[in-house]
C-alpha atoms as a PDB file:
ATOM      1  CA  MET A   1     -11.441  32.030 -50.321  1.00  0.00           C
ATOM      2  CA  PRO A   2     -12.968  32.853 -46.914  1.00  0.00           C
ATOM      3  CA  LEU A   3     -12.701  30.425 -44.050  1.00  0.00           C
ATOM      4  CA  ILE A   4     -15.683  28.990 -42.194  1.00  0.00           C
ATOM      5  CA  THR A   5     -14.143  30.082 -38.879  1.00  0.00           C
ATOM      6  CA  THR A   6     -14.215  33.772 -39.872  1.00  0.00           C
ATOM      7  CA  ILE A   7     -15.784  35.955 -37.149  1.00  0.00           C
ATOM      8  CA  HIS A   8     -17.769  39.024 -38.190  1.00  0.00           C
ATOM      9  CA  GLU A   9     -18.119  41.784 -35.620  1.00  0.00           C
ATOM     10  CA  SER A  10     -21.705  42.972 -35.329  1.00  0.00           C
ATOM     11  CA  LEU A  11     -23.882  44.662 -32.731  1.00  0.00           C
ATOM     12  CA  PRO A  12     -27.410  43.919 -33.947  1.00  0.00           C
ATOM     13  CA  TYR A  13     -29.038  45.380 -30.824  1.00  0.00           C
ATOM     14  CA  ILE A  14     -27.047  48.644 -30.981  1.00  0.00           C
ATOM     15  CA  ASP A  15     -26.201  49.362 -34.617  1.00  0.00           C
ATOM     16  CA  PRO A  16     -29.124  50.680 -36.686  1.00  0.00           C
ATOM     17  CA  GLU A  17     -30.360  48.796 -39.724  1.00  0.00           C
ATOM     18  CA  PRO A  18     -28.568  49.821 -42.932  1.00  0.00           C
ATOM     19  CA  THR A  19     -30.546  51.838 -45.413  1.00  0.00           C
ATOM     20  CA  PRO A  20     -31.286  50.393 -48.877  1.00  0.00           C
ATOM     21  CA  THR A  21     -28.636  52.687 -50.341  1.00  0.00           C
ATOM     22  CA  ASP A  22     -26.021  51.516 -47.854  1.00  0.00           C
ATOM     23  CA  ARG A  23     -26.942  47.885 -48.486  1.00  0.00           C
ATOM     24  CA  LEU A  24     -26.622  48.291 -52.264  1.00  0.00           C
ATOM     25  CA  ALA A  25     -23.251  49.997 -51.842  1.00  0.00           C
ATOM     26  CA  ALA A  26     -22.012  47.188 -49.575  1.00  0.00           C
ATOM     27  CA  GLU A  27     -23.247  44.502 -51.989  1.00  0.00           C
ATOM     28  CA  ALA A  28     -21.476  46.288 -54.853  1.00  0.00           C
ATOM     29  CA  LEU A  29     -18.217  46.260 -52.896  1.00  0.00           C
ATOM     30  CA  ILE A  30     -18.653  42.552 -52.092  1.00  0.00           C
ATOM     31  CA  THR A  31     -19.371  41.730 -55.739  1.00  0.00           C
ATOM     32  CA  ALA A  32     -16.323  43.682 -56.903  1.00  0.00           C
ATOM     33  CA  GLU A  33     -14.095  41.889 -54.385  1.00  0.00           C
ATOM     34  CA  ARG A  34     -15.455  38.439 -55.258  1.00  0.00           C
ATOM     35  CA  SER A  35     -14.873  39.056 -58.951  1.00  0.00           C
ATOM     36  CA  LEU A  36     -11.130  39.239 -58.286  1.00  0.00           C
ATOM     37  CA  VAL A  37     -10.953  35.644 -56.991  1.00  0.00           C
ATOM     38  CA  PRO A  38     -12.767  32.789 -58.793  1.00  0.00           C
ATOM     39  CA  ASP A  39     -15.208  30.796 -56.706  1.00  0.00           C
ATOM     40  CA  ASP A  40     -14.060  27.408 -55.461  1.00  0.00           C
ATOM     41  CA  PRO A  41     -16.906  24.872 -55.922  1.00  0.00           C
ATOM     42  CA  PHE A  42     -15.378  22.596 -53.267  1.00  0.00           C
ATOM     43  CA  HIS A  43     -14.385  24.234 -50.011  1.00  0.00           C
ATOM     44  CA  ALA A  44     -11.017  23.272 -48.587  1.00  0.00           C
ATOM     45  CA  LEU A  45     -12.599  22.170 -45.307  1.00  0.00           C
ATOM     46  CA  LEU A  46     -15.255  19.973 -46.948  1.00  0.00           C
ATOM     47  CA  PRO A  47     -14.696  16.252 -47.507  1.00  0.00           C
ATOM     48  CA  PRO A  48     -14.193  15.042 -51.093  1.00  0.00           C
ATOM     49  CA  PRO A  49     -17.371  14.418 -53.090  1.00  0.00           C
ATOM     50  CA  TYR A  50     -19.002  11.014 -52.732  1.00  0.00           C
ATOM     51  CA  THR A  51     -18.420   8.601 -55.592  1.00  0.00           C
ATOM     52  CA  PRO A  52     -20.302   5.263 -55.545  1.00  0.00           C
ATOM     53  CA  SER A  53     -17.489   3.471 -57.350  1.00  0.00           C
ATOM     54  CA  SER A  54     -15.127   4.024 -54.412  1.00  0.00           C
ATOM     55  CA  HIS A  55     -17.437   2.046 -52.093  1.00  0.00           C
ATOM     56  CA  LEU A  56     -18.164  -0.917 -54.404  1.00  0.00           C
ATOM     57  CA  THR A  57     -16.222  -4.133 -54.582  1.00  0.00           C
ATOM     58  CA  PRO A  58     -15.027  -5.302 -58.004  1.00  0.00           C
ATOM     59  CA  LEU A  59     -17.571  -8.147 -57.959  1.00  0.00           C
ATOM     60  CA  ILE A  60     -20.538  -5.825 -57.353  1.00  0.00           C
ATOM     61  CA  GLN A  61     -19.209  -3.349 -59.913  1.00  0.00           C
ATOM     62  CA  SER A  62     -18.921  -6.095 -62.522  1.00  0.00           C
ATOM     63  CA  GLU A  63     -22.510  -7.192 -61.777  1.00  0.00           C
ATOM     64  CA  PHE A  64     -23.730  -3.604 -62.186  1.00  0.00           C
ATOM     65  CA  ASP A  65     -21.850  -3.361 -65.489  1.00  0.00           C
ATOM     66  CA  ARG A  66     -23.467  -6.613 -66.655  1.00  0.00           C
ATOM     67  CA  ILE A  67     -26.949  -5.314 -65.753  1.00  0.00           C
ATOM     68  CA  ALA A  68     -26.246  -2.015 -67.521  1.00  0.00           C
ATOM     69  CA  SER A  69     -25.084  -3.838 -70.656  1.00  0.00           C
ATOM     70  CA  SER A  70     -28.185  -6.065 -70.640  1.00  0.00           C
ATOM     71  CA  LEU A  71     -30.436  -3.019 -70.240  1.00  0.00           C
ATOM     72  CA  SER A  72     -28.674  -1.184 -73.052  1.00  0.00           C
ATOM     73  CA  SER A  73     -29.127  -4.161 -75.378  1.00  0.00           C
ATOM     74  CA  ASN A  74     -32.792  -4.695 -74.422  1.00  0.00           C
ATOM     75  CA  PRO A  75     -34.296  -1.669 -72.600  1.00  0.00           C
ATOM     76  CA  ASP A  76     -37.724  -3.333 -72.222  1.00  0.00           C
ATOM     77  CA  ALA A  77     -36.368  -6.376 -70.380  1.00  0.00           C
ATOM     78  CA  PRO A  78     -36.387  -6.209 -66.559  1.00  0.00           C
ATOM     79  CA  PRO A  79     -32.958  -6.380 -64.885  1.00  0.00           C
ATOM     80  CA  LYS A  80     -31.992  -9.802 -63.588  1.00  0.00           C
ATOM     81  CA  LEU A  81     -29.365 -10.920 -61.118  1.00  0.00           C
ATOM     82  CA  ASN A  82     -27.915 -14.211 -62.297  1.00  0.00           C
ATOM     83  CA  ALA A  83     -25.430 -14.650 -59.480  1.00  0.00           C
ATOM     84  CA  LEU A  84     -27.646 -17.451 -58.077  1.00  0.00           C
ATOM     85  CA  ASP A  85     -29.248 -20.050 -60.289  1.00  0.00           C
ATOM     86  CA  LEU A  86     -32.779 -20.406 -58.916  1.00  0.00           C
ATOM     87  CA  THR A  87     -34.064 -22.703 -61.663  1.00  0.00           C
ATOM     88  CA  ARG A  88     -32.866 -25.783 -59.799  1.00  0.00           C
ATOM     89  CA  TYR A  89     -35.158 -24.916 -56.918  1.00  0.00           C
ATOM     90  CA  SER A  90     -38.203 -24.221 -59.041  1.00  0.00           C
ATOM     91  CA  SER A  91     -38.956 -27.702 -60.419  1.00  0.00           C
ATOM     92  CA  LEU A  92     -37.404 -31.155 -60.520  1.00  0.00           C
ATOM     93  CA  PRO A  93     -36.428 -32.709 -63.835  1.00  0.00           C
ATOM     94  CA  GLU A  94     -38.624 -35.486 -65.112  1.00  0.00           C
ATOM     95  CA  ILE A  95     -37.570 -38.916 -63.837  1.00  0.00           C
ATOM     96  CA  PRO A  96     -37.237 -41.475 -66.631  1.00  0.00           C
ATOM     97  CA  SER A  97     -39.533 -44.462 -66.538  1.00  0.00           C
ATOM     98  CA  PRO A  98     -38.236 -48.023 -65.872  1.00  0.00           C
ATOM     99  CA  ALA A  99     -38.625 -48.811 -69.563  1.00  0.00           C
ATOM    100  CA  GLU A 100     -36.407 -45.881 -70.492  1.00  0.00           C
ATOM    101  CA  LEU A 101     -33.855 -46.901 -67.874  1.00  0.00           C
ATOM    102  CA  SER A 102     -33.780 -50.442 -69.166  1.00  0.00           C
ATOM    103  CA  GLN A 103     -32.834 -49.152 -72.600  1.00  0.00           C
ATOM    104  CA  MET A 104     -29.845 -47.220 -71.149  1.00  0.00           C
ATOM    105  CA  ASP A 105     -26.461 -48.523 -70.215  1.00  0.00           C
ATOM    106  CA  SER A 106     -26.164 -49.463 -66.538  1.00  0.00           C
ATOM    107  CA  SER A 107     -23.432 -46.870 -65.841  1.00  0.00           C
ATOM    108  CA  GLU A 108     -25.361 -44.179 -67.707  1.00  0.00           C
ATOM    109  CA  ALA A 109     -28.576 -44.964 -65.812  1.00  0.00           C
ATOM    110  CA  THR A 110     -26.698 -44.968 -62.476  1.00  0.00           C
ATOM    111  CA  THR A 111     -25.115 -41.582 -63.239  1.00  0.00           C
ATOM    112  CA  LEU A 112     -28.476 -40.105 -64.255  1.00  0.00           C
ATOM    113  CA  LEU A 113     -30.281 -41.399 -61.162  1.00  0.00           C
ATOM    114  CA  GLN A 114     -27.432 -40.214 -58.910  1.00  0.00           C
ATOM    115  CA  SER A 115     -27.573 -36.700 -60.354  1.00  0.00           C
ATOM    116  CA  LEU A 116     -31.367 -36.644 -59.931  1.00  0.00           C
ATOM    117  CA  LEU A 117     -31.011 -37.815 -56.335  1.00  0.00           C
ATOM    118  CA  GLU A 118     -28.406 -35.124 -55.588  1.00  0.00           C
ATOM    119  CA  LYS A 119     -30.723 -32.440 -56.978  1.00  0.00           C
ATOM    120  CA  ALA A 120     -33.591 -33.839 -54.931  1.00  0.00           C
ATOM    121  CA  TYR A 121     -31.458 -33.672 -51.775  1.00  0.00           C
ATOM    122  CA  THR A 122     -30.510 -30.081 -52.599  1.00  0.00           C
ATOM    123  CA  ASP A 123     -34.133 -29.085 -53.164  1.00  0.00           C
ATOM    124  CA  HIS A 124     -35.182 -30.816 -49.967  1.00  0.00           C
ATOM    125  CA  ALA A 125     -32.502 -28.995 -47.944  1.00  0.00           C
ATOM    126  CA  TYR A 126     -33.463 -25.653 -49.486  1.00  0.00           C
ATOM    127  CA  VAL A 127     -37.191 -26.149 -48.813  1.00  0.00           C
ATOM    128  CA  ALA A 128     -36.510 -27.333 -45.249  1.00  0.00           C
ATOM    129  CA  GLN A 129     -34.363 -24.307 -44.488  1.00  0.00           C
ATOM    130  CA  ARG A 130     -36.952 -22.065 -46.094  1.00  0.00           C
ATOM    131  CA  ARG A 131     -39.692 -23.497 -43.901  1.00  0.00           C
ATOM    132  CA  ALA A 132     -37.497 -23.118 -40.793  1.00  0.00           C
ATOM    133  CA  HIS A 133     -36.758 -19.508 -41.631  1.00  0.00           C
ATOM    134  CA  LEU A 134     -40.426 -18.751 -42.266  1.00  0.00           C
ATOM    135  CA  ALA A 135     -41.339 -20.385 -38.934  1.00  0.00           C
ATOM    136  CA  LEU A 136     -38.727 -18.278 -37.120  1.00  0.00           C
ATOM    137  CA  LEU A 137     -39.959 -15.152 -38.896  1.00  0.00           C
ATOM    138  CA  ASP A 138     -43.529 -15.955 -37.943  1.00  0.00           C
ATOM    139  CA  ALA A 139     -42.570 -16.637 -34.312  1.00  0.00           C
ATOM    140  CA  TYR A 140     -40.017 -13.881 -33.635  1.00  0.00           C
ATOM    141  CA  GLY A 141     -40.166 -11.508 -36.559  1.00  0.00           C
ATOM    142  CA  LYS A 142     -43.002  -9.366 -35.197  1.00  0.00           C
ATOM    143  CA  ASN A 143     -41.449  -9.109 -31.757  1.00  0.00           C
ATOM    144  CA  ALA A 144     -38.049  -8.228 -33.202  1.00  0.00           C
ATOM    145  CA  TRP A 145     -39.684  -5.566 -35.358  1.00  0.00           C
ATOM    146  CA  LEU A 146     -41.523  -4.120 -32.352  1.00  0.00           C
ATOM    147  CA  ILE A 147     -38.358  -4.145 -30.246  1.00  0.00           C
ATOM    148  CA  GLY A 148     -36.485  -2.388 -33.064  1.00  0.00           C
ATOM    149  CA  ASN A 149     -39.209   0.267 -33.272  1.00  0.00           C
ATOM    150  CA  TRP A 150     -39.082   0.713 -29.487  1.00  0.00           C
ATOM    151  CA  GLN A 151     -35.310   1.212 -29.597  1.00  0.00           C
ATOM    152  CA  LEU A 152     -35.612   3.681 -32.468  1.00  0.00           C
ATOM    153  CA  GLU A 153     -38.330   5.547 -30.581  1.00  0.00           C
ATOM    154  CA  GLY A 154     -36.035   5.807 -27.547  1.00  0.00           C
ATOM    155  CA  GLU A 155     -33.204   7.144 -29.711  1.00  0.00           C
ATOM    156  CA  LEU A 156     -35.602   9.636 -31.304  1.00  0.00           C
ATOM    157  CA  LYS A 157     -36.772  10.887 -27.896  1.00  0.00           C
ATOM    158  CA  ALA A 158     -33.184  11.243 -26.691  1.00  0.00           C
ATOM    159  CA  THR A 159     -32.262  13.165 -29.834  1.00  0.00           C
ATOM    160  CA  GLU A 160     -35.308  15.426 -29.497  1.00  0.00           C
ATOM    161  CA  LYS A 161     -34.421  16.071 -25.852  1.00  0.00           C
ATOM    162  CA  GLU A 162     -30.859  16.950 -26.807  1.00  0.00           C
ATOM    163  CA  LEU A 163     -32.153  19.222 -29.575  1.00  0.00           C
ATOM    164  CA  ALA A 164     -34.473  21.003 -27.124  1.00  0.00           C
ATOM    165  CA  GLU A 165     -31.576  21.515 -24.694  1.00  0.00           C
ATOM    166  CA  VAL A 166     -29.384  22.939 -27.454  1.00  0.00           C
ATOM    167  CA  LYS A 167     -32.179  25.296 -28.559  1.00  0.00           C
ATOM    168  CA  ARG A 168     -32.614  26.413 -24.935  1.00  0.00           C
ATOM    169  CA  GLU A 169     -28.871  27.092 -24.661  1.00  0.00           C
ATOM    170  CA  ILE A 170     -29.018  29.098 -27.906  1.00  0.00           C
ATOM    171  CA  ASP A 171     -31.937  31.145 -26.534  1.00  0.00           C
ATOM    172  CA  LEU A 172     -30.041  31.798 -23.295  1.00  0.00           C
ATOM    173  CA  VAL A 173     -26.933  32.892 -25.212  1.00  0.00           C
ATOM    174  CA  THR A 174     -29.075  35.192 -27.385  1.00  0.00           C
ATOM    175  CA  LEU A 175     -30.703  36.750 -24.303  1.00  0.00           C
ATOM    176  CA  GLN A 176     -27.330  37.225 -22.613  1.00  0.00           C
ATOM    177  CA  ARG A 177     -25.973  38.806 -25.772  1.00  0.00           C
ATOM    178  CA  LYS A 178     -28.940  41.160 -26.015  1.00  0.00           C
ATOM    179  CA  GLN A 179     -28.655  42.092 -22.331  1.00  0.00           C
ATOM    180  CA  ALA A 180     -24.916  42.762 -22.617  1.00  0.00           C
ATOM    181  CA  GLN A 181     -25.393  44.922 -25.705  1.00  0.00           C
ATOM    182  CA  ASP A 182     -28.304  46.801 -24.128  1.00  0.00           C
ATOM    183  CA  GLU A 183     -26.180  47.534 -21.062  1.00  0.00           C
ATOM    184  CA  ALA A 184     -23.164  48.620 -23.121  1.00  0.00           C
ATOM    185  CA  GLY A 185     -25.246  50.473 -25.717  1.00  0.00           C
ATOM    186  CA  PRO A 186     -25.424  53.887 -23.965  1.00  0.00           C
ATOM    187  CA  GLU A 187     -21.701  53.804 -23.198  1.00  0.00           C
ATOM    188  CA  ILE A 188     -20.823  52.873 -26.789  1.00  0.00           C
ATOM    189  CA  ILE A 189     -23.093  55.619 -28.152  1.00  0.00           C
ATOM    190  CA  GLY A 190     -21.559  58.146 -25.737  1.00  0.00           C
ATOM    191  CA  LEU A 191     -18.025  57.147 -26.718  1.00  0.00           C
ATOM    192  CA  GLU A 192     -18.954  57.358 -30.408  1.00  0.00           C
ATOM    193  CA  ASP A 193     -20.401  60.854 -29.916  1.00  0.00           C
ATOM    194  CA  THR A 194     -17.287  61.893 -27.987  1.00  0.00           C
ATOM    195  CA  TRP A 195     -15.089  60.527 -30.763  1.00  0.00           C
ATOM    196  CA  LYS A 196     -17.080  62.383 -33.409  1.00  0.00           C
ATOM    197  CA  LYS A 197     -16.852  65.615 -31.417  1.00  0.00           C
ATOM    198  CA  GLY A 198     -13.115  65.081 -30.927  1.00  0.00           C
ATOM    199  CA  VAL A 199     -12.597  64.512 -34.657  1.00  0.00           C
ATOM    200  CA  GLY A 200     -14.653  67.627 -35.378  1.00  0.00           C
ATOM    201  CA  ARG A 201     -12.587  69.673 -32.975  1.00  0.00           C
ATOM    202  CA  VAL A 202      -9.374  68.369 -34.535  1.00  0.00           C
ATOM    203  CA  LEU A 203     -10.625  69.406 -37.966  1.00  0.00           C
ATOM    204  CA  GLU A 204     -11.662  72.811 -36.633  1.00  0.00           C
ATOM    205  CA  THR A 205      -8.231  73.224 -35.031  1.00  0.00           C
ATOM    206  CA  GLU A 206      -6.474  72.253 -38.262  1.00  0.00           C
ATOM    207  CA  ALA A 207      -8.655  74.694 -40.221  1.00  0.00           C
ATOM    208  CA  ALA A 208      -7.873  77.468 -37.692  1.00  0.00           C
ATOM    209  CA  VAL A 209      -4.143  76.674 -37.871  1.00  0.00           C
ATOM    210  CA  GLU A 210      -4.275  76.800 -41.658  1.00  0.00           C
ATOM    211  CA  GLY A 211      -6.057  80.162 -41.461  1.00  0.00           C
ATOM    212  CA  LEU A 212      -3.436  81.558 -39.044  1.00  0.00           C
ATOM    213  CA  ARG A 213      -0.659  80.269 -41.315  1.00  0.00           C
ATOM    214  CA  ARG A 214      -2.153  82.057 -44.285  1.00  0.00           C
ATOM    215  CA  GLN A 215      -2.583  85.247 -42.251  1.00  0.00           C
ATOM    216  CA  ALA A 216       1.055  85.048 -41.129  1.00  0.00           C
ATOM    217  CA  LEU A 217       2.180  84.570 -44.740  1.00  0.00           C
ATOM    218  CA  GLU A 218       0.083  87.552 -45.801  1.00  0.00           C
ATOM    219  CA  VAL A 219       1.594  89.747 -43.053  1.00  0.00           C
ATOM    220  CA  ARG A 220       5.128  88.727 -44.083  1.00  0.00           C
ATOM    221  CA  ARG A 221       4.401  89.606 -47.678  1.00  0.00           C
ATOM    222  CA  ARG A 222       3.190  93.065 -46.635  1.00  0.00           C
ATOM    223  CA  MET A 223       6.260  93.650 -44.469  1.00  0.00           C
ATOM    224  CA  GLU A 224       8.556  92.834 -47.370  1.00  0.00           C
END
């Protein structure tokens, strides 16, 4: 498995473009080498795959399971979150009339009226807090939203500026690389030609030595 930090030597401004035949031959060699080692779907340097269950608390997971079970039993029904009982805030129960209270036991009537009063207090507190929150949202919500947008716009401009600087640095590095390769190109080509000529001369010398060896063997055979 290759590493991400692998460095490939290349001189794009000096080396000529490979021909289609050379490219096909190189791709065939790469395919043959890759077939020897199975591909790893998860690179060793990559973090483990994200799983939602690892970031959910047991309570949220149980609620999701309950919603999934309710959807599986009745697919047409919309999903509901029953963690909070909102029915007690929707409407107050009907208060019994004095005639109905007179027919009840005194303790039973007191308990009923006390429970109704507690629910009324709860509804009143909920509605009061709701009105306070809506007033705060109406007074400061727009400004907070505008301030948030202004902060996000500043972060976006800073990020765009940083991106432009990085792109400029990449362009400068590319130009420096091209200039260095253009300056070293003639020398590299000259050294390559010298190396080729030297290899050719070595082969010519070896061929001449082989010819002299055969001539010497032929002369010895004649002398014998």
